[in-house]
Amino acid sequence: MYSRPRLFIRFALVSLTMWCVGAGARACETPRLLGLDGLEHALDDYVGRGQWVMVNVWSPGCEHCLTELPALRNVHRGDDPDVLVLGLAVAYPGFGYPDRNTLDGFVKANGVDFPVLLADGKAASAFVDSPIDVVPITFAFDPRGRMVAQWYGVITLPDIREIIRDFTAR
């Protein structure tokens, strides 16, 4: 026979397990990706910390990704100090892992100063808890850490401002 404290603990563990299963992978298990800084990063290291986070999945081999790069750099450099850009770099086409040395050279040559993490399509999908089958794609997380928008294709500075304005008003 279980005493009340044991029964409560068992109930709490079962409840937590059920909540985690229902909440999705991001809430209970945070995949980690290697950054160009040599450290592992989780999405929870960035989202839900009081600022907007634009997670941009891109590739140096994607022409459209290069088109949006100036807007992402401007946002990250301080057009709005309450917005952080986080890049997830994949090899395109094929959505494999990019070569770290090639990516590092590209980032330096193109003035990319926001954090960049290396991923393939599967790892990037797990990281943002949403299927990724196209680049560029941007996921907008509000200051509380909720994903509020997905933007397929080239994102511009006015697009980012519109997302923030529309979801701040809610």
C-alpha atoms as a PDB file:
ATOM      1  CA  MET A   1       0.000   0.000   0.000  1.00  0.00           C
ATOM      2  CA  TYR A   2       1.248   3.491  -0.881  1.00  0.00           C
ATOM      3  CA  SER A   3       1.413   6.228   1.675  1.00  0.00           C
ATOM      4  CA  ARG A   4       0.002   9.582   0.663  1.00  0.00           C
ATOM      5  CA  PRO A   5       3.412  11.210   0.027  1.00  0.00           C
ATOM      6  CA  ARG A   6       4.474   8.311  -2.235  1.00  0.00           C
ATOM      7  CA  LEU A   7       1.162   8.409  -4.054  1.00  0.00           C
ATOM      8  CA  PHE A   8       1.516  12.179  -4.549  1.00  0.00           C
ATOM      9  CA  ILE A   9       5.062  11.807  -5.910  1.00  0.00           C
ATOM     10  CA  ARG A  10       3.968   9.049  -8.298  1.00  0.00           C
ATOM     11  CA  PHE A  11       1.006  11.186  -9.444  1.00  0.00           C
ATOM     12  CA  ALA A  12       3.287  14.207  -9.939  1.00  0.00           C
ATOM     13  CA  LEU A  13       5.763  12.202 -12.033  1.00  0.00           C
ATOM     14  CA  VAL A  14       3.024  10.705 -14.202  1.00  0.00           C
ATOM     15  CA  SER A  15       1.452  14.155 -14.646  1.00  0.00           C
ATOM     16  CA  LEU A  16       4.785  15.721 -15.598  1.00  0.00           C
ATOM     17  CA  THR A  17       5.469  12.941 -18.105  1.00  0.00           C
ATOM     18  CA  MET A  18       2.042  13.370 -19.676  1.00  0.00           C
ATOM     19  CA  TRP A  19       2.508  17.153 -19.829  1.00  0.00           C
ATOM     20  CA  CYS A  20       5.872  16.757 -21.555  1.00  0.00           C
ATOM     21  CA  VAL A  21       4.449  14.365 -24.133  1.00  0.00           C
ATOM     22  CA  GLY A  22       1.556  16.729 -24.816  1.00  0.00           C
ATOM     23  CA  ALA A  23       3.687  19.875 -24.817  1.00  0.00           C
ATOM     24  CA  GLY A  24       5.979  18.796 -27.646  1.00  0.00           C
ATOM     25  CA  ALA A  25       9.717  18.255 -27.745  1.00  0.00           C
ATOM     26  CA  ARG A  26      10.728  21.878 -27.248  1.00  0.00           C
ATOM     27  CA  ALA A  27       9.151  22.170 -23.811  1.00  0.00           C
ATOM     28  CA  CYS A  28      10.837  19.104 -22.293  1.00  0.00           C
ATOM     29  CA  GLU A  29      13.785  18.182 -24.410  1.00  0.00           C
ATOM     30  CA  THR A  30      15.816  20.869 -26.074  1.00  0.00           C
ATOM     31  CA  PRO A  31      17.967  19.660 -28.968  1.00  0.00           C
ATOM     32  CA  ARG A  32      21.420  21.187 -28.950  1.00  0.00           C
ATOM     33  CA  LEU A  33      23.288  22.406 -32.019  1.00  0.00           C
ATOM     34  CA  LEU A  34      26.949  23.265 -32.433  1.00  0.00           C
ATOM     35  CA  GLY A  35      27.631  26.942 -33.030  1.00  0.00           C
ATOM     36  CA  LEU A  36      30.462  28.526 -34.964  1.00  0.00           C
ATOM     37  CA  ASP A  37      31.726  29.571 -31.536  1.00  0.00           C
ATOM     38  CA  GLY A  38      32.460  25.891 -30.826  1.00  0.00           C
ATOM     39  CA  LEU A  39      29.786  25.619 -28.113  1.00  0.00           C
ATOM     40  CA  GLU A  40      26.501  23.736 -28.075  1.00  0.00           C
ATOM     41  CA  HIS A  41      23.336  25.837 -27.988  1.00  0.00           C
ATOM     42  CA  ALA A  42      19.678  25.072 -27.281  1.00  0.00           C
ATOM     43  CA  LEU A  43      16.696  27.120 -28.427  1.00  0.00           C
ATOM     44  CA  ASP A  44      15.879  27.735 -24.773  1.00  0.00           C
ATOM     45  CA  ASP A  45      19.196  29.589 -24.476  1.00  0.00           C
ATOM     46  CA  TYR A  46      17.610  32.324 -26.610  1.00  0.00           C
ATOM     47  CA  VAL A  47      13.802  32.294 -26.514  1.00  0.00           C
ATOM     48  CA  GLY A  48      11.610  33.294 -23.604  1.00  0.00           C
ATOM     49  CA  ARG A  49      14.143  35.742 -22.208  1.00  0.00           C
ATOM     50  CA  GLY A  50      12.239  38.972 -22.735  1.00  0.00           C
ATOM     51  CA  GLN A  51      13.091  39.761 -26.343  1.00  0.00           C
ATOM     52  CA  TRP A  52      11.924  38.816 -29.802  1.00  0.00           C
ATOM     53  CA  VAL A  53      13.969  36.069 -31.458  1.00  0.00           C
ATOM     54  CA  MET A  54      14.010  35.560 -35.215  1.00  0.00           C
ATOM     55  CA  VAL A  55      15.369  32.081 -35.959  1.00  0.00           C
ATOM     56  CA  ASN A  56      16.410  32.151 -39.593  1.00  0.00           C
ATOM     57  CA  VAL A  57      17.191  28.893 -41.409  1.00  0.00           C
ATOM     58  CA  TRP A  58      19.482  29.658 -44.327  1.00  0.00           C
ATOM     59  CA  SER A  59      22.364  28.443 -46.441  1.00  0.00           C
ATOM     60  CA  PRO A  60      25.313  30.227 -48.044  1.00  0.00           C
ATOM     61  CA  GLY A  61      24.427  28.342 -51.249  1.00  0.00           C
ATOM     62  CA  CYS A  62      20.919  29.838 -51.379  1.00  0.00           C
ATOM     63  CA  GLU A  63      20.572  32.988 -53.472  1.00  0.00           C
ATOM     64  CA  HIS A  64      17.384  34.080 -51.684  1.00  0.00           C
ATOM     65  CA  CYS A  65      19.110  33.670 -48.313  1.00  0.00           C
ATOM     66  CA  LEU A  66      21.789  36.117 -49.435  1.00  0.00           C
ATOM     67  CA  THR A  67      19.100  38.617 -50.421  1.00  0.00           C
ATOM     68  CA  GLU A  68      17.705  38.758 -46.879  1.00  0.00           C
ATOM     69  CA  LEU A  69      21.098  38.843 -45.157  1.00  0.00           C
ATOM     70  CA  PRO A  70      21.393  42.678 -44.975  1.00  0.00           C
ATOM     71  CA  ALA A  71      17.987  42.971 -43.248  1.00  0.00           C
ATOM     72  CA  LEU A  72      18.915  40.292 -40.707  1.00  0.00           C
ATOM     73  CA  ARG A  73      22.255  41.961 -39.996  1.00  0.00           C
ATOM     74  CA  ASN A  74      20.522  45.336 -39.508  1.00  0.00           C
ATOM     75  CA  VAL A  75      17.948  43.879 -37.126  1.00  0.00           C
ATOM     76  CA  HIS A  76      20.614  42.122 -35.112  1.00  0.00           C
ATOM     77  CA  ARG A  77      22.914  45.144 -34.997  1.00  0.00           C
ATOM     78  CA  GLY A  78      20.348  47.200 -33.224  1.00  0.00           C
ATOM     79  CA  ASP A  79      17.564  48.533 -35.407  1.00  0.00           C
ATOM     80  CA  ASP A  80      15.543  47.236 -32.496  1.00  0.00           C
ATOM     81  CA  PRO A  81      17.493  46.239 -29.375  1.00  0.00           C
ATOM     82  CA  ASP A  82      14.661  43.946 -28.299  1.00  0.00           C
ATOM     83  CA  VAL A  83      15.167  41.646 -31.307  1.00  0.00           C
ATOM     84  CA  LEU A  84      17.790  38.927 -31.641  1.00  0.00           C
ATOM     85  CA  VAL A  85      18.570  37.041 -34.839  1.00  0.00           C
ATOM     86  CA  LEU A  86      19.728  33.437 -34.579  1.00  0.00           C
ATOM     87  CA  GLY A  87      20.893  31.700 -37.744  1.00  0.00           C
ATOM     88  CA  LEU A  88      20.600  27.979 -38.399  1.00  0.00           C
ATOM     89  CA  ALA A  89      22.877  27.188 -41.328  1.00  0.00           C
ATOM     90  CA  VAL A  90      22.200  24.131 -43.481  1.00  0.00           C
ATOM     91  CA  ALA A  91      23.836  22.907 -46.678  1.00  0.00           C
ATOM     92  CA  TYR A  92      21.615  23.635 -49.657  1.00  0.00           C
ATOM     93  CA  PRO A  93      20.473  21.833 -51.701  1.00  0.00           C
ATOM     94  CA  GLY A  94      20.042  18.594 -49.820  1.00  0.00           C
ATOM     95  CA  PHE A  95      19.662  20.033 -46.305  1.00  0.00           C
ATOM     96  CA  GLY A  96      22.796  18.342 -44.974  1.00  0.00           C
ATOM     97  CA  TYR A  97      25.230  19.774 -42.444  1.00  0.00           C
ATOM     98  CA  PRO A  98      27.329  22.643 -43.850  1.00  0.00           C
ATOM     99  CA  ASP A  99      31.106  22.438 -43.804  1.00  0.00           C
ATOM    100  CA  ARG A 100      32.139  24.359 -40.696  1.00  0.00           C
ATOM    101  CA  ASN A 101      35.314  25.877 -42.187  1.00  0.00           C
ATOM    102  CA  THR A 102      33.545  27.036 -45.357  1.00  0.00           C
ATOM    103  CA  LEU A 103      30.680  28.475 -43.295  1.00  0.00           C
ATOM    104  CA  ASP A 104      33.083  30.256 -40.948  1.00  0.00           C
ATOM    105  CA  GLY A 105      34.799  31.900 -43.930  1.00  0.00           C
ATOM    106  CA  PHE A 106      31.464  32.922 -45.437  1.00  0.00           C
ATOM    107  CA  VAL A 107      30.249  34.422 -42.151  1.00  0.00           C
ATOM    108  CA  LYS A 108      33.438  36.479 -41.745  1.00  0.00           C
ATOM    109  CA  ALA A 109      33.495  37.621 -45.378  1.00  0.00           C
ATOM    110  CA  ASN A 110      29.845  38.732 -45.259  1.00  0.00           C
ATOM    111  CA  GLY A 111      29.781  40.451 -41.872  1.00  0.00           C
ATOM    112  CA  VAL A 112      27.365  38.015 -40.258  1.00  0.00           C
ATOM    113  CA  ASP A 113      27.563  38.979 -36.601  1.00  0.00           C
ATOM    114  CA  PHE A 114      24.517  37.178 -35.221  1.00  0.00           C
ATOM    115  CA  PRO A 115      24.942  33.708 -33.686  1.00  0.00           C
ATOM    116  CA  VAL A 116      25.094  30.914 -36.275  1.00  0.00           C
ATOM    117  CA  LEU A 117      24.450  27.266 -35.469  1.00  0.00           C
ATOM    118  CA  LEU A 118      25.137  24.311 -37.763  1.00  0.00           C
ATOM    119  CA  ALA A 119      22.295  21.955 -38.630  1.00  0.00           C
ATOM    120  CA  ASP A 120      20.892  19.634 -41.208  1.00  0.00           C
ATOM    121  CA  GLY A 121      17.191  19.606 -42.078  1.00  0.00           C
ATOM    122  CA  LYS A 122      16.306  17.063 -39.395  1.00  0.00           C
ATOM    123  CA  ALA A 123      18.234  18.806 -36.606  1.00  0.00           C
ATOM    124  CA  ALA A 124      16.880  22.235 -37.597  1.00  0.00           C
ATOM    125  CA  SER A 125      13.324  20.850 -37.603  1.00  0.00           C
ATOM    126  CA  ALA A 126      13.809  19.380 -34.127  1.00  0.00           C
ATOM    127  CA  PHE A 127      15.407  22.601 -32.883  1.00  0.00           C
ATOM    128  CA  VAL A 128      12.387  24.757 -33.769  1.00  0.00           C
ATOM    129  CA  ASP A 129       9.852  21.923 -33.408  1.00  0.00           C
ATOM    130  CA  SER A 130       8.543  22.466 -36.938  1.00  0.00           C
ATOM    131  CA  PRO A 131       9.280  20.761 -40.286  1.00  0.00           C
ATOM    132  CA  ILE A 132      11.877  22.510 -42.414  1.00  0.00           C
ATOM    133  CA  ASP A 133      11.919  21.700 -46.101  1.00  0.00           C
ATOM    134  CA  VAL A 134      12.717  25.073 -47.640  1.00  0.00           C
ATOM    135  CA  VAL A 135      15.209  27.881 -47.141  1.00  0.00           C
ATOM    136  CA  PRO A 136      15.061  30.632 -46.232  1.00  0.00           C
ATOM    137  CA  ILE A 137      12.475  30.294 -43.503  1.00  0.00           C
ATOM    138  CA  THR A 138      12.206  32.446 -40.390  1.00  0.00           C
ATOM    139  CA  PHE A 139      10.496  31.531 -37.126  1.00  0.00           C
ATOM    140  CA  ALA A 140       9.439  34.434 -34.905  1.00  0.00           C
ATOM    141  CA  PHE A 141       9.352  33.883 -31.144  1.00  0.00           C
ATOM    142  CA  ASP A 142       7.779  36.519 -28.916  1.00  0.00           C
ATOM    143  CA  PRO A 143       9.449  37.725 -25.688  1.00  0.00           C
ATOM    144  CA  ARG A 144       7.635  35.019 -23.695  1.00  0.00           C
ATOM    145  CA  GLY A 145       9.066  32.295 -25.946  1.00  0.00           C
ATOM    146  CA  ARG A 146       5.994  31.433 -28.008  1.00  0.00           C
ATOM    147  CA  MET A 147       6.457  30.804 -31.726  1.00  0.00           C
ATOM    148  CA  VAL A 148       4.022  33.293 -33.253  1.00  0.00           C
ATOM    149  CA  ALA A 149       4.939  33.288 -36.950  1.00  0.00           C
ATOM    150  CA  GLN A 150       6.707  31.356 -39.687  1.00  0.00           C
ATOM    151  CA  TRP A 151       7.871  33.302 -42.718  1.00  0.00           C
ATOM    152  CA  TYR A 152       8.644  31.319 -45.866  1.00  0.00           C
ATOM    153  CA  GLY A 153      11.001  32.986 -48.324  1.00  0.00           C
ATOM    154  CA  VAL A 154      12.947  36.215 -48.116  1.00  0.00           C
ATOM    155  CA  ILE A 155      12.148  38.260 -45.017  1.00  0.00           C
ATOM    156  CA  THR A 156      12.695  42.012 -45.034  1.00  0.00           C
ATOM    157  CA  LEU A 157      13.040  44.615 -42.324  1.00  0.00           C
ATOM    158  CA  PRO A 158       9.424  45.815 -42.860  1.00  0.00           C
ATOM    159  CA  ASP A 159       8.256  42.177 -42.599  1.00  0.00           C
ATOM    160  CA  ILE A 160      10.020  41.735 -39.250  1.00  0.00           C
ATOM    161  CA  ARG A 161       8.593  45.004 -37.952  1.00  0.00           C
ATOM    162  CA  GLU A 162       5.104  43.979 -39.084  1.00  0.00           C
ATOM    163  CA  ILE A 163       5.341  40.628 -37.277  1.00  0.00           C
ATOM    164  CA  ILE A 164       6.456  42.332 -34.080  1.00  0.00           C
ATOM    165  CA  ARG A 165       3.794  45.046 -34.353  1.00  0.00           C
ATOM    166  CA  ASP A 166       0.983  42.594 -35.109  1.00  0.00           C
ATOM    167  CA  PHE A 167       1.840  40.163 -32.324  1.00  0.00           C
ATOM    168  CA  THR A 168       2.701  42.826 -29.739  1.00  0.00           C
ATOM    169  CA  ALA A 169      -0.811  44.232 -30.144  1.00  0.00           C
ATOM    170  CA  ARG A 170      -2.376  40.860 -29.214  1.00  0.00           C
END
